[in-house]
Amino acid sequence: MSSKLKIALLMGGDSGEYEVSIASASVVRKFVDRKRFILYPVLIRDREWYYKPDDSLTLPIDKNDFSLLLDGKKIVFDCAFIAIHGTPGEDGKLQGYLEMAGVPYTTCDLTTSAITFNKYFCNDLAIQYKMNVAKTLMLRPHDMWDSSELADSVGLPCFVKPNKAGSSVGVTKVYKIEGFEPAIKSAFAEGDEVLVQQYIKGREMACGVLRTNGKIRVLPVTEIISKKDFFDYEAKYTSGMADEITPAHITPDEESECNRMTAELYQKFNCKGVVRFDYFLSQGKWWFLEVNTVPGFSEGSIVPKQALAAGIGLKEFFGMLLDEAMRK
């Protein structure tokens, strides 16, 4: 009988980040330690959950107990590696299901995932934790709003974005009052809550952090320099559209402050697994932007690059995430 641990690799999802998830999962499949783990790729899309190792085989997952019948044998998973960005992998839905099924998983828990996925709630918490946060207004479908009042409140330019989405899907940088209507319409296409947020002029930074062997480890900071107007979906996932400098060219004091904030927020938000905190650095002052509890794992993604810069190979890195998930 094999002593290898059986890992369900969850990929796909129901958001605009579906393709990003598939790319992340492919890297996990490439680098995970096959001497220690047996990987079972599970594609989740709407109500359909399938074991799908390749295009020639598709078998249903039994959602009653999160198991798989393969070659006449029932497979019960030791752990789930969540590589779904957006819903249902980053907003707490899968976490709640896996908790009920009694299966450990590699991400933050239900509560932390749900709160941090809601940018508006997350910002409020960050303010309580003494972080600098851009002024933000919330719009819901039946709210009345006026373009001039929005501009007066947050200033121009500003950002309009979905409250619960990632990868900059549905995000618009608005320069003129006339730009609010199409921007808000675009953001509502991705969800039922829209944010109008003050623009902070500064350098965009990202910092990954994880817990390993019970200790928090902050990864090197990355500076993101988009070749577009801002770090939108195209800039994130099109080669050559952005420069990502790891480690970032910042002063020792700035690096120390970023590391301190990141470790502190990881603890205060009760994070688990690897997460990525995004900031703006403006005139020596750090501004909290958001937290990604299921950051990208593709070879072009920021966190894997940070791990490599820290001297952690991806086989070791993914092993660390699985070990920590099962340790708890």
C-alpha atoms as a PDB file:
ATOM      1  CA  MET A   1       0.000   0.000   0.000  1.00  0.00           C
ATOM      2  CA  SER A   2       1.366   3.400  -0.984  1.00  0.00           C
ATOM      3  CA  SER A   3       2.459   5.705   1.834  1.00  0.00           C
ATOM      4  CA  LYS A   4       2.173   8.720  -0.431  1.00  0.00           C
ATOM      5  CA  LEU A   5      -0.342  11.380   0.603  1.00  0.00           C
ATOM      6  CA  LYS A   6      -3.360  11.798  -1.671  1.00  0.00           C
ATOM      7  CA  ILE A   7      -3.803  15.438  -2.654  1.00  0.00           C
ATOM      8  CA  ALA A   8      -6.830  16.895  -4.439  1.00  0.00           C
ATOM      9  CA  LEU A   9      -5.635  19.780  -6.640  1.00  0.00           C
ATOM     10  CA  LEU A  10      -8.657  22.058  -6.982  1.00  0.00           C
ATOM     11  CA  MET A  11      -8.703  24.211 -10.117  1.00  0.00           C
ATOM     12  CA  GLY A  12     -11.091  26.122 -12.373  1.00  0.00           C
ATOM     13  CA  GLY A  13     -13.804  28.002 -10.537  1.00  0.00           C
ATOM     14  CA  ASP A  14     -16.596  30.328 -11.581  1.00  0.00           C
ATOM     15  CA  SER A  15     -14.890  33.695 -11.968  1.00  0.00           C
ATOM     16  CA  GLY A  16     -13.053  35.593 -14.672  1.00  0.00           C
ATOM     17  CA  GLU A  17      -9.853  34.088 -13.272  1.00  0.00           C
ATOM     18  CA  TYR A  18     -10.658  30.571 -14.538  1.00  0.00           C
ATOM     19  CA  GLU A  19      -7.757  30.470 -17.009  1.00  0.00           C
ATOM     20  CA  VAL A  20      -5.384  31.852 -14.400  1.00  0.00           C
ATOM     21  CA  SER A  21      -6.389  29.016 -12.090  1.00  0.00           C
ATOM     22  CA  ILE A  22      -5.728  26.414 -14.776  1.00  0.00           C
ATOM     23  CA  ALA A  23      -2.256  27.921 -15.324  1.00  0.00           C
ATOM     24  CA  SER A  24      -1.544  27.894 -11.587  1.00  0.00           C
ATOM     25  CA  ALA A  25      -2.625  24.270 -11.281  1.00  0.00           C
ATOM     26  CA  SER A  26      -0.398  23.227 -14.186  1.00  0.00           C
ATOM     27  CA  VAL A  27       2.658  24.568 -12.343  1.00  0.00           C
ATOM     28  CA  VAL A  28       1.682  22.784  -9.132  1.00  0.00           C
ATOM     29  CA  ARG A  29       1.343  19.558 -11.140  1.00  0.00           C
ATOM     30  CA  LYS A  30       4.750  20.138 -12.698  1.00  0.00           C
ATOM     31  CA  PHE A  31       6.693  20.779  -9.507  1.00  0.00           C
ATOM     32  CA  VAL A  32       4.952  18.920  -6.680  1.00  0.00           C
ATOM     33  CA  ASP A  33       7.092  16.196  -5.123  1.00  0.00           C
ATOM     34  CA  ARG A  34       5.829  12.952  -6.658  1.00  0.00           C
ATOM     35  CA  LYS A  35       7.846  10.906  -4.190  1.00  0.00           C
ATOM     36  CA  ARG A  36       5.691  12.240  -1.360  1.00  0.00           C
ATOM     37  CA  PHE A  37       2.358  13.110  -2.948  1.00  0.00           C
ATOM     38  CA  ILE A  38      -0.137  11.607  -5.387  1.00  0.00           C
ATOM     39  CA  LEU A  39      -1.903  14.477  -7.113  1.00  0.00           C
ATOM     40  CA  TYR A  40      -5.521  14.234  -8.238  1.00  0.00           C
ATOM     41  CA  PRO A  41      -6.498  17.219 -10.439  1.00  0.00           C
ATOM     42  CA  VAL A  42     -10.112  18.179  -9.696  1.00  0.00           C
ATOM     43  CA  LEU A  43     -11.846  20.617 -12.045  1.00  0.00           C
ATOM     44  CA  ILE A  44     -14.630  22.650 -10.457  1.00  0.00           C
ATOM     45  CA  ARG A  45     -16.997  24.588 -12.681  1.00  0.00           C
ATOM     46  CA  ASP A  46     -20.457  25.592 -11.471  1.00  0.00           C
ATOM     47  CA  ARG A  47     -22.062  22.434 -10.026  1.00  0.00           C
ATOM     48  CA  GLU A  48     -19.787  20.073 -11.933  1.00  0.00           C
ATOM     49  CA  TRP A  49     -16.835  18.627  -9.992  1.00  0.00           C
ATOM     50  CA  TYR A  50     -14.631  16.198 -11.907  1.00  0.00           C
ATOM     51  CA  TYR A  51     -11.380  14.337 -11.520  1.00  0.00           C
ATOM     52  CA  LYS A  52      -9.687  15.309 -14.760  1.00  0.00           C
ATOM     53  CA  PRO A  53      -6.035  14.293 -15.083  1.00  0.00           C
ATOM     54  CA  ASP A  54      -6.100  14.779 -18.874  1.00  0.00           C
ATOM     55  CA  ASP A  55      -8.486  15.228 -21.783  1.00  0.00           C
ATOM     56  CA  SER A  56      -9.131  11.486 -22.083  1.00  0.00           C
ATOM     57  CA  LEU A  57     -10.519  10.871 -18.591  1.00  0.00           C
ATOM     58  CA  THR A  58     -13.277  12.603 -16.645  1.00  0.00           C
ATOM     59  CA  LEU A  59     -14.743  11.081 -13.479  1.00  0.00           C
ATOM     60  CA  PRO A  60     -17.236  12.683 -11.074  1.00  0.00           C
ATOM     61  CA  ILE A  61     -16.306  13.659  -7.536  1.00  0.00           C
ATOM     62  CA  ASP A  62     -18.726  12.471  -4.869  1.00  0.00           C
ATOM     63  CA  LYS A  63     -19.579  15.727  -3.125  1.00  0.00           C
ATOM     64  CA  ASN A  64     -21.306  13.899  -0.267  1.00  0.00           C
ATOM     65  CA  ASP A  65     -17.922  13.111   1.265  1.00  0.00           C
ATOM     66  CA  PHE A  66     -15.444  14.627  -1.234  1.00  0.00           C
ATOM     67  CA  SER A  67     -14.211  11.310  -2.581  1.00  0.00           C
ATOM     68  CA  LEU A  68     -13.430   9.672  -5.918  1.00  0.00           C
ATOM     69  CA  LEU A  69     -14.170   6.208  -7.270  1.00  0.00           C
ATOM     70  CA  LEU A  70     -11.187   5.266  -9.418  1.00  0.00           C
ATOM     71  CA  ASP A  71     -10.595   1.782 -10.865  1.00  0.00           C
ATOM     72  CA  GLY A  72     -13.130   0.364  -8.446  1.00  0.00           C
ATOM     73  CA  LYS A  73     -11.405   1.879  -5.399  1.00  0.00           C
ATOM     74  CA  LYS A  74     -12.644   4.758  -3.284  1.00  0.00           C
ATOM     75  CA  ILE A  75     -10.085   7.558  -2.972  1.00  0.00           C
ATOM     76  CA  VAL A  76     -10.338   9.648   0.193  1.00  0.00           C
ATOM     77  CA  PHE A  77      -8.095  12.712   0.048  1.00  0.00           C
ATOM     78  CA  ASP A  78      -5.572  13.576   2.739  1.00  0.00           C
ATOM     79  CA  CYS A  79      -5.482  17.261   1.799  1.00  0.00           C
ATOM     80  CA  ALA A  80      -6.796  19.747  -0.756  1.00  0.00           C
ATOM     81  CA  PHE A  81      -4.469  22.146  -2.560  1.00  0.00           C
ATOM     82  CA  ILE A  82      -6.693  25.082  -3.521  1.00  0.00           C
ATOM     83  CA  ALA A  83      -5.556  26.759  -6.752  1.00  0.00           C
ATOM     84  CA  ILE A  84      -8.881  28.452  -7.548  1.00  0.00           C
ATOM     85  CA  HIS A  85      -8.676  32.250  -7.686  1.00  0.00           C
ATOM     86  CA  GLY A  86     -11.967  34.038  -7.102  1.00  0.00           C
ATOM     87  CA  THR A  87     -15.143  32.145  -6.278  1.00  0.00           C
ATOM     88  CA  PRO A  88     -15.490  29.497  -4.882  1.00  0.00           C
ATOM     89  CA  GLY A  89     -11.837  29.013  -3.924  1.00  0.00           C
ATOM     90  CA  GLU A  90     -10.952  32.421  -2.491  1.00  0.00           C
ATOM     91  CA  ASP A  91     -14.205  33.606  -0.910  1.00  0.00           C
ATOM     92  CA  GLY A  92     -14.666  30.946   1.770  1.00  0.00           C
ATOM     93  CA  LYS A  93     -17.170  28.685   0.004  1.00  0.00           C
ATOM     94  CA  LEU A  94     -14.789  25.792  -0.649  1.00  0.00           C
ATOM     95  CA  GLN A  95     -13.184  26.283   2.732  1.00  0.00           C
ATOM     96  CA  GLY A  96     -16.539  25.823   4.471  1.00  0.00           C
ATOM     97  CA  TYR A  97     -17.280  22.702   2.444  1.00  0.00           C
ATOM     98  CA  LEU A  98     -13.871  21.162   3.143  1.00  0.00           C
ATOM     99  CA  GLU A  99     -14.214  21.948   6.854  1.00  0.00           C
ATOM    100  CA  MET A 100     -17.477  19.988   6.915  1.00  0.00           C
ATOM    101  CA  ALA A 101     -15.878  17.156   4.943  1.00  0.00           C
ATOM    102  CA  GLY A 102     -12.978  17.043   7.403  1.00  0.00           C
ATOM    103  CA  VAL A 103     -10.325  17.604   4.715  1.00  0.00           C
ATOM    104  CA  PRO A 104      -7.342  19.893   5.445  1.00  0.00           C
ATOM    105  CA  TYR A 105      -6.607  22.563   2.831  1.00  0.00           C
ATOM    106  CA  THR A 106      -3.804  24.954   1.942  1.00  0.00           C
ATOM    107  CA  THR A 107      -5.489  28.363   2.289  1.00  0.00           C
ATOM    108  CA  CYS A 108      -6.930  30.704   4.894  1.00  0.00           C
ATOM    109  CA  ASP A 109     -10.058  29.493   6.683  1.00  0.00           C
ATOM    110  CA  LEU A 110     -13.670  30.306   5.796  1.00  0.00           C
ATOM    111  CA  THR A 111     -13.908  33.486   7.865  1.00  0.00           C
ATOM    112  CA  THR A 112     -10.620  35.046   6.775  1.00  0.00           C
ATOM    113  CA  SER A 113     -11.222  34.107   3.124  1.00  0.00           C
ATOM    114  CA  ALA A 114     -14.714  35.633   3.110  1.00  0.00           C
ATOM    115  CA  ILE A 115     -13.692  38.853   4.841  1.00  0.00           C
ATOM    116  CA  THR A 116     -10.530  39.502   2.826  1.00  0.00           C
ATOM    117  CA  PHE A 117     -12.267  38.681  -0.476  1.00  0.00           C
ATOM    118  CA  ASN A 118     -14.658  41.520   0.304  1.00  0.00           C
ATOM    119  CA  LYS A 119     -12.337  44.464  -0.368  1.00  0.00           C
ATOM    120  CA  TYR A 120     -14.597  46.955   1.436  1.00  0.00           C
ATOM    121  CA  PHE A 121     -14.708  44.938   4.673  1.00  0.00           C
ATOM    122  CA  CYS A 122     -11.007  44.157   4.371  1.00  0.00           C
ATOM    123  CA  ASN A 123     -10.179  47.855   4.038  1.00  0.00           C
ATOM    124  CA  ASP A 124     -12.180  48.641   7.179  1.00  0.00           C
ATOM    125  CA  LEU A 125     -10.203  46.048   9.111  1.00  0.00           C
ATOM    126  CA  ALA A 126      -6.919  47.384   7.729  1.00  0.00           C
ATOM    127  CA  ILE A 127      -7.888  50.868   8.944  1.00  0.00           C
ATOM    128  CA  GLN A 128      -8.547  49.430  12.415  1.00  0.00           C
ATOM    129  CA  TYR A 129      -5.073  47.919  12.255  1.00  0.00           C
ATOM    130  CA  LYS A 130      -3.635  51.423  11.683  1.00  0.00           C
ATOM    131  CA  MET A 131      -2.900  50.936   7.960  1.00  0.00           C
ATOM    132  CA  ASN A 132      -3.097  53.792   5.462  1.00  0.00           C
ATOM    133  CA  VAL A 133      -6.014  53.019   3.120  1.00  0.00           C
ATOM    134  CA  ALA A 134      -7.288  55.014   0.131  1.00  0.00           C
ATOM    135  CA  LYS A 135     -10.711  56.625   0.558  1.00  0.00           C
ATOM    136  CA  THR A 136     -13.312  54.213  -0.792  1.00  0.00           C
ATOM    137  CA  LEU A 137     -17.038  54.419  -1.564  1.00  0.00           C
ATOM    138  CA  MET A 138     -19.351  51.434  -1.978  1.00  0.00           C
ATOM    139  CA  LEU A 139     -22.108  51.261  -4.620  1.00  0.00           C
ATOM    140  CA  ARG A 140     -24.845  48.625  -4.827  1.00  0.00           C
ATOM    141  CA  PRO A 141     -27.269  48.081  -7.754  1.00  0.00           C
ATOM    142  CA  HIS A 142     -30.130  50.180  -6.360  1.00  0.00           C
ATOM    143  CA  ASP A 143     -27.986  52.996  -4.985  1.00  0.00           C
ATOM    144  CA  MET A 144     -28.380  56.451  -6.494  1.00  0.00           C
ATOM    145  CA  TRP A 145     -25.093  58.078  -7.403  1.00  0.00           C
ATOM    146  CA  ASP A 146     -23.920  61.249  -9.094  1.00  0.00           C
ATOM    147  CA  SER A 147     -20.688  61.427 -11.099  1.00  0.00           C
ATOM    148  CA  SER A 148     -19.811  64.905  -9.880  1.00  0.00           C
ATOM    149  CA  GLU A 149     -20.328  63.913  -6.249  1.00  0.00           C
ATOM    150  CA  LEU A 150     -18.160  60.824  -6.694  1.00  0.00           C
ATOM    151  CA  ALA A 151     -15.404  62.953  -8.233  1.00  0.00           C
ATOM    152  CA  ASP A 152     -15.654  65.496  -5.424  1.00  0.00           C
ATOM    153  CA  SER A 153     -15.461  62.761  -2.810  1.00  0.00           C
ATOM    154  CA  VAL A 154     -12.500  60.660  -4.013  1.00  0.00           C
ATOM    155  CA  GLY A 155     -10.912  62.946  -6.611  1.00  0.00           C
ATOM    156  CA  LEU A 156      -9.822  62.296 -10.186  1.00  0.00           C
ATOM    157  CA  PRO A 157      -8.286  60.173 -11.445  1.00  0.00           C
ATOM    158  CA  CYS A 158      -9.722  57.314  -9.390  1.00  0.00           C
ATOM    159  CA  PHE A 159     -10.376  53.602  -9.692  1.00  0.00           C
ATOM    160  CA  VAL A 160     -13.701  51.849 -10.146  1.00  0.00           C
ATOM    161  CA  LYS A 161     -13.601  48.132  -9.396  1.00  0.00           C
ATOM    162  CA  PRO A 162     -15.743  45.158  -8.357  1.00  0.00           C
ATOM    163  CA  ASN A 163     -15.759  44.665  -4.603  1.00  0.00           C
ATOM    164  CA  LYS A 164     -15.291  40.900  -4.875  1.00  0.00           C
ATOM    165  CA  ALA A 165     -13.063  39.968  -7.827  1.00  0.00           C
ATOM    166  CA  GLY A 166      -9.393  39.525  -8.591  1.00  0.00           C
ATOM    167  CA  SER A 167      -6.782  39.859 -11.353  1.00  0.00           C
ATOM    168  CA  SER A 168      -8.042  43.402 -12.028  1.00  0.00           C
ATOM    169  CA  VAL A 169     -11.090  41.989 -13.845  1.00  0.00           C
ATOM    170  CA  GLY A 170     -13.630  44.790 -14.313  1.00  0.00           C
ATOM    171  CA  VAL A 171     -11.265  47.518 -13.037  1.00  0.00           C
ATOM    172  CA  THR A 172     -11.196  50.932 -14.737  1.00  0.00           C
ATOM    173  CA  LYS A 173      -9.080  53.986 -14.075  1.00  0.00           C
ATOM    174  CA  VAL A 174     -11.400  56.978 -14.450  1.00  0.00           C
ATOM    175  CA  TYR A 175      -9.945  60.338 -15.499  1.00  0.00           C
ATOM    176  CA  LYS A 176     -13.071  62.341 -16.336  1.00  0.00           C
ATOM    177  CA  ILE A 177     -16.573  62.597 -14.922  1.00  0.00           C
ATOM    178  CA  GLU A 178     -17.973  61.075 -18.137  1.00  0.00           C
ATOM    179  CA  GLY A 179     -15.964  57.932 -17.450  1.00  0.00           C
ATOM    180  CA  PHE A 180     -17.892  56.931 -14.332  1.00  0.00           C
ATOM    181  CA  GLU A 181     -20.968  55.493 -16.050  1.00  0.00           C
ATOM    182  CA  PRO A 182     -19.191  52.956 -18.337  1.00  0.00           C
ATOM    183  CA  ALA A 183     -16.693  52.104 -15.571  1.00  0.00           C
ATOM    184  CA  ILE A 184     -19.413  51.391 -13.025  1.00  0.00           C
ATOM    185  CA  LYS A 185     -21.359  49.350 -15.587  1.00  0.00           C
ATOM    186  CA  SER A 186     -18.239  47.282 -16.311  1.00  0.00           C
ATOM    187  CA  ALA A 187     -17.614  46.662 -12.616  1.00  0.00           C
ATOM    188  CA  PHE A 188     -21.232  45.645 -11.963  1.00  0.00           C
ATOM    189  CA  ALA A 189     -20.864  43.029 -14.712  1.00  0.00           C
ATOM    190  CA  GLU A 190     -18.484  41.199 -12.335  1.00  0.00           C
ATOM    191  CA  GLY A 191     -20.543  41.425  -9.145  1.00  0.00           C
ATOM    192  CA  ASP A 192     -23.266  43.195  -7.200  1.00  0.00           C
ATOM    193  CA  GLU A 193     -20.998  45.594  -5.314  1.00  0.00           C
ATOM    194  CA  VAL A 194     -18.724  48.247  -6.809  1.00  0.00           C
ATOM    195  CA  LEU A 195     -16.007  50.355  -5.230  1.00  0.00           C
ATOM    196  CA  VAL A 196     -14.989  53.863  -6.207  1.00  0.00           C
ATOM    197  CA  GLN A 197     -11.518  54.384  -4.784  1.00  0.00           C
ATOM    198  CA  GLN A 198      -9.097  57.258  -4.397  1.00  0.00           C
ATOM    199  CA  TYR A 199      -6.010  57.067  -6.613  1.00  0.00           C
ATOM    200  CA  ILE A 200      -2.729  56.950  -4.698  1.00  0.00           C
ATOM    201  CA  LYS A 201       0.210  57.992  -6.856  1.00  0.00           C
ATOM    202  CA  GLY A 202       3.124  55.806  -5.973  1.00  0.00           C
ATOM    203  CA  ARG A 203       5.073  52.616  -6.635  1.00  0.00           C
ATOM    204  CA  GLU A 204       3.106  49.370  -6.576  1.00  0.00           C
ATOM    205  CA  MET A 205       4.570  46.678  -4.324  1.00  0.00           C
ATOM    206  CA  ALA A 206       3.651  43.089  -3.525  1.00  0.00           C
ATOM    207  CA  CYS A 207       4.853  40.944  -0.661  1.00  0.00           C
ATOM    208  CA  GLY A 208       4.189  37.237  -0.203  1.00  0.00           C
ATOM    209  CA  VAL A 209       4.126  35.638   3.230  1.00  0.00           C
ATOM    210  CA  LEU A 210       3.500  32.155   4.593  1.00  0.00           C
ATOM    211  CA  ARG A 211       3.694  30.158   7.769  1.00  0.00           C
ATOM    212  CA  THR A 212       6.054  27.195   7.756  1.00  0.00           C
ATOM    213  CA  ASN A 213       6.883  24.976  10.724  1.00  0.00           C
ATOM    214  CA  GLY A 214       4.643  27.251  12.748  1.00  0.00           C
ATOM    215  CA  LYS A 215       6.683  30.393  11.986  1.00  0.00           C
ATOM    216  CA  ILE A 216       5.794  33.307   9.712  1.00  0.00           C
ATOM    217  CA  ARG A 217       8.182  33.812   6.798  1.00  0.00           C
ATOM    218  CA  VAL A 218       7.990  36.991   4.711  1.00  0.00           C
ATOM    219  CA  LEU A 219       9.222  36.669   1.129  1.00  0.00           C
ATOM    220  CA  PRO A 220      11.209  39.333  -0.769  1.00  0.00           C
ATOM    221  CA  VAL A 221       9.232  42.400  -1.883  1.00  0.00           C
ATOM    222  CA  THR A 222       8.396  42.819  -5.577  1.00  0.00           C
ATOM    223  CA  GLU A 223       7.946  46.145  -7.343  1.00  0.00           C
ATOM    224  CA  ILE A 224       5.442  46.054 -10.196  1.00  0.00           C
ATOM    225  CA  ILE A 225       5.990  48.513 -13.051  1.00  0.00           C
ATOM    226  CA  SER A 226       3.164  48.219 -15.548  1.00  0.00           C
ATOM    227  CA  LYS A 227       3.712  49.273 -19.143  1.00  0.00           C
ATOM    228  CA  LYS A 228       0.024  50.096 -19.296  1.00  0.00           C
ATOM    229  CA  ASP A 229      -1.803  52.812 -17.405  1.00  0.00           C
ATOM    230  CA  PHE A 230      -2.098  50.486 -14.415  1.00  0.00           C
ATOM    231  CA  PHE A 231      -1.520  46.817 -13.553  1.00  0.00           C
ATOM    232  CA  ASP A 232      -4.637  45.489 -15.312  1.00  0.00           C
ATOM    233  CA  TYR A 233      -5.467  41.938 -16.437  1.00  0.00           C
ATOM    234  CA  GLU A 234      -3.514  42.289 -19.688  1.00  0.00           C
ATOM    235  CA  ALA A 235      -0.449  43.666 -17.916  1.00  0.00           C
ATOM    236  CA  LYS A 236      -0.604  40.852 -15.339  1.00  0.00           C
ATOM    237  CA  TYR A 237      -0.853  37.964 -17.773  1.00  0.00           C
ATOM    238  CA  THR A 238       0.758  39.135 -21.013  1.00  0.00           C
ATOM    239  CA  SER A 239       4.489  38.640 -21.285  1.00  0.00           C
ATOM    240  CA  GLY A 240       6.409  41.901 -21.556  1.00  0.00           C
ATOM    241  CA  MET A 241       3.538  44.132 -20.398  1.00  0.00           C
ATOM    242  CA  ALA A 242       4.983  44.697 -16.925  1.00  0.00           C
ATOM    243  CA  ASP A 243       8.330  44.596 -15.174  1.00  0.00           C
ATOM    244  CA  GLU A 244       8.315  42.774 -11.847  1.00  0.00           C
ATOM    245  CA  ILE A 245      11.499  43.517  -9.921  1.00  0.00           C
ATOM    246  CA  THR A 246      12.356  41.060  -7.132  1.00  0.00           C
ATOM    247  CA  PRO A 247      13.733  42.083  -4.744  1.00  0.00           C
ATOM    248  CA  ALA A 248      12.394  45.595  -5.125  1.00  0.00           C
ATOM    249  CA  HIS A 249      14.808  48.524  -5.179  1.00  0.00           C
ATOM    250  CA  ILE A 250      13.752  50.051  -1.884  1.00  0.00           C
ATOM    251  CA  THR A 251      15.711  51.289   1.105  1.00  0.00           C
ATOM    252  CA  PRO A 252      16.507  48.976   4.037  1.00  0.00           C
ATOM    253  CA  ASP A 253      14.110  50.990   6.207  1.00  0.00           C
ATOM    254  CA  GLU A 254      11.320  50.693   3.635  1.00  0.00           C
ATOM    255  CA  GLU A 255      11.922  46.951   3.335  1.00  0.00           C
ATOM    256  CA  SER A 256      11.916  46.533   7.099  1.00  0.00           C
ATOM    257  CA  GLU A 257       8.627  48.412   7.408  1.00  0.00           C
ATOM    258  CA  CYS A 258       7.008  46.354   4.642  1.00  0.00           C
ATOM    259  CA  ASN A 259       8.134  43.116   6.290  1.00  0.00           C
ATOM    260  CA  ARG A 260       6.818  44.278   9.651  1.00  0.00           C
ATOM    261  CA  MET A 261       3.426  45.291   8.238  1.00  0.00           C
ATOM    262  CA  THR A 262       3.092  42.101   6.223  1.00  0.00           C
ATOM    263  CA  ALA A 263       3.886  39.786   9.139  1.00  0.00           C
ATOM    264  CA  GLU A 264       1.591  41.769  11.433  1.00  0.00           C
ATOM    265  CA  LEU A 265      -1.322  41.737   8.979  1.00  0.00           C
ATOM    266  CA  TYR A 266      -0.840  38.012   8.348  1.00  0.00           C
ATOM    267  CA  GLN A 267      -1.330  37.445  12.072  1.00  0.00           C
ATOM    268  CA  LYS A 268      -4.140  39.951  12.586  1.00  0.00           C
ATOM    269  CA  PHE A 269      -6.154  38.641   9.621  1.00  0.00           C
ATOM    270  CA  ASN A 270      -5.508  35.094  10.932  1.00  0.00           C
ATOM    271  CA  CYS A 271      -4.074  34.032   7.578  1.00  0.00           C
ATOM    272  CA  LYS A 272      -2.952  30.521   6.711  1.00  0.00           C
ATOM    273  CA  GLY A 273      -1.007  29.147   3.774  1.00  0.00           C
ATOM    274  CA  VAL A 274       0.676  31.633   1.472  1.00  0.00           C
ATOM    275  CA  VAL A 275      -0.940  35.002   0.831  1.00  0.00           C
ATOM    276  CA  ARG A 276       0.189  38.132  -1.005  1.00  0.00           C
ATOM    277  CA  PHE A 277      -0.282  41.632   0.360  1.00  0.00           C
ATOM    278  CA  ASP A 278      -0.334  44.478  -2.155  1.00  0.00           C
ATOM    279  CA  TYR A 279       0.672  48.039  -1.307  1.00  0.00           C
ATOM    280  CA  PHE A 280       1.479  51.427  -2.772  1.00  0.00           C
ATOM    281  CA  LEU A 281       4.654  53.155  -1.626  1.00  0.00           C
ATOM    282  CA  SER A 282       4.135  56.903  -1.931  1.00  0.00           C
ATOM    283  CA  GLN A 283       6.697  59.426  -0.690  1.00  0.00           C
ATOM    284  CA  GLY A 284       8.053  56.963   1.843  1.00  0.00           C
ATOM    285  CA  LYS A 285       4.578  56.087   3.119  1.00  0.00           C
ATOM    286  CA  TRP A 286       3.019  52.609   2.738  1.00  0.00           C
ATOM    287  CA  TRP A 287      -0.625  52.311   1.678  1.00  0.00           C
ATOM    288  CA  PHE A 288      -2.537  49.044   2.037  1.00  0.00           C
ATOM    289  CA  LEU A 289      -4.227  47.967  -1.213  1.00  0.00           C
ATOM    290  CA  GLU A 290      -5.512  44.406  -0.752  1.00  0.00           C
ATOM    291  CA  VAL A 291      -4.673  40.847   0.258  1.00  0.00           C
ATOM    292  CA  ASN A 292      -4.801  37.852  -2.089  1.00  0.00           C
ATOM    293  CA  THR A 293      -5.414  34.652  -0.130  1.00  0.00           C
ATOM    294  CA  VAL A 294      -4.969  32.436  -3.219  1.00  0.00           C
ATOM    295  CA  PRO A 295      -2.206  34.188  -5.172  1.00  0.00           C
ATOM    296  CA  GLY A 296      -1.166  32.989  -8.612  1.00  0.00           C
ATOM    297  CA  PHE A 297       1.170  29.995  -8.813  1.00  0.00           C
ATOM    298  CA  SER A 298       2.035  30.107 -12.516  1.00  0.00           C
ATOM    299  CA  GLU A 299       5.730  30.436 -13.362  1.00  0.00           C
ATOM    300  CA  GLY A 300       5.070  34.062 -14.356  1.00  0.00           C
ATOM    301  CA  SER A 301       3.264  34.841 -11.085  1.00  0.00           C
ATOM    302  CA  ILE A 302       4.742  37.002  -8.367  1.00  0.00           C
ATOM    303  CA  VAL A 303       4.794  34.654  -5.367  1.00  0.00           C
ATOM    304  CA  PRO A 304       6.693  31.798  -7.078  1.00  0.00           C
ATOM    305  CA  LYS A 305       9.293  34.349  -8.198  1.00  0.00           C
ATOM    306  CA  GLN A 306       9.564  35.627  -4.638  1.00  0.00           C
ATOM    307  CA  ALA A 307       9.994  32.083  -3.332  1.00  0.00           C
ATOM    308  CA  LEU A 308      12.791  31.450  -5.824  1.00  0.00           C
ATOM    309  CA  ALA A 309      14.430  34.763  -4.856  1.00  0.00           C
ATOM    310  CA  ALA A 310      14.326  33.584  -1.245  1.00  0.00           C
ATOM    311  CA  GLY A 311      16.132  30.396  -2.251  1.00  0.00           C
ATOM    312  CA  ILE A 312      13.052  28.170  -2.053  1.00  0.00           C
ATOM    313  CA  GLY A 313      12.574  25.855  -5.044  1.00  0.00           C
ATOM    314  CA  LEU A 314       8.990  25.300  -6.166  1.00  0.00           C
ATOM    315  CA  LYS A 315       9.015  21.610  -5.226  1.00  0.00           C
ATOM    316  CA  GLU A 316      10.029  22.592  -1.703  1.00  0.00           C
ATOM    317  CA  PHE A 317       7.615  25.528  -1.695  1.00  0.00           C
ATOM    318  CA  PHE A 318       4.528  23.489  -2.585  1.00  0.00           C
ATOM    319  CA  GLY A 319       5.621  20.834  -0.106  1.00  0.00           C
ATOM    320  CA  MET A 320       5.837  23.485   2.616  1.00  0.00           C
ATOM    321  CA  LEU A 321       2.251  24.588   1.912  1.00  0.00           C
ATOM    322  CA  LEU A 322       0.933  21.024   2.059  1.00  0.00           C
ATOM    323  CA  ASP A 323       2.909  20.152   5.170  1.00  0.00           C
ATOM    324  CA  GLU A 324       1.652  23.244   6.999  1.00  0.00           C
ATOM    325  CA  ALA A 325      -1.951  22.548   5.953  1.00  0.00           C
ATOM    326  CA  MET A 326      -1.794  19.029   7.383  1.00  0.00           C
ATOM    327  CA  ARG A 327       0.247  20.056  10.425  1.00  0.00           C
ATOM    328  CA  LYS A 328      -2.563  22.229  11.731  1.00  0.00           C
END
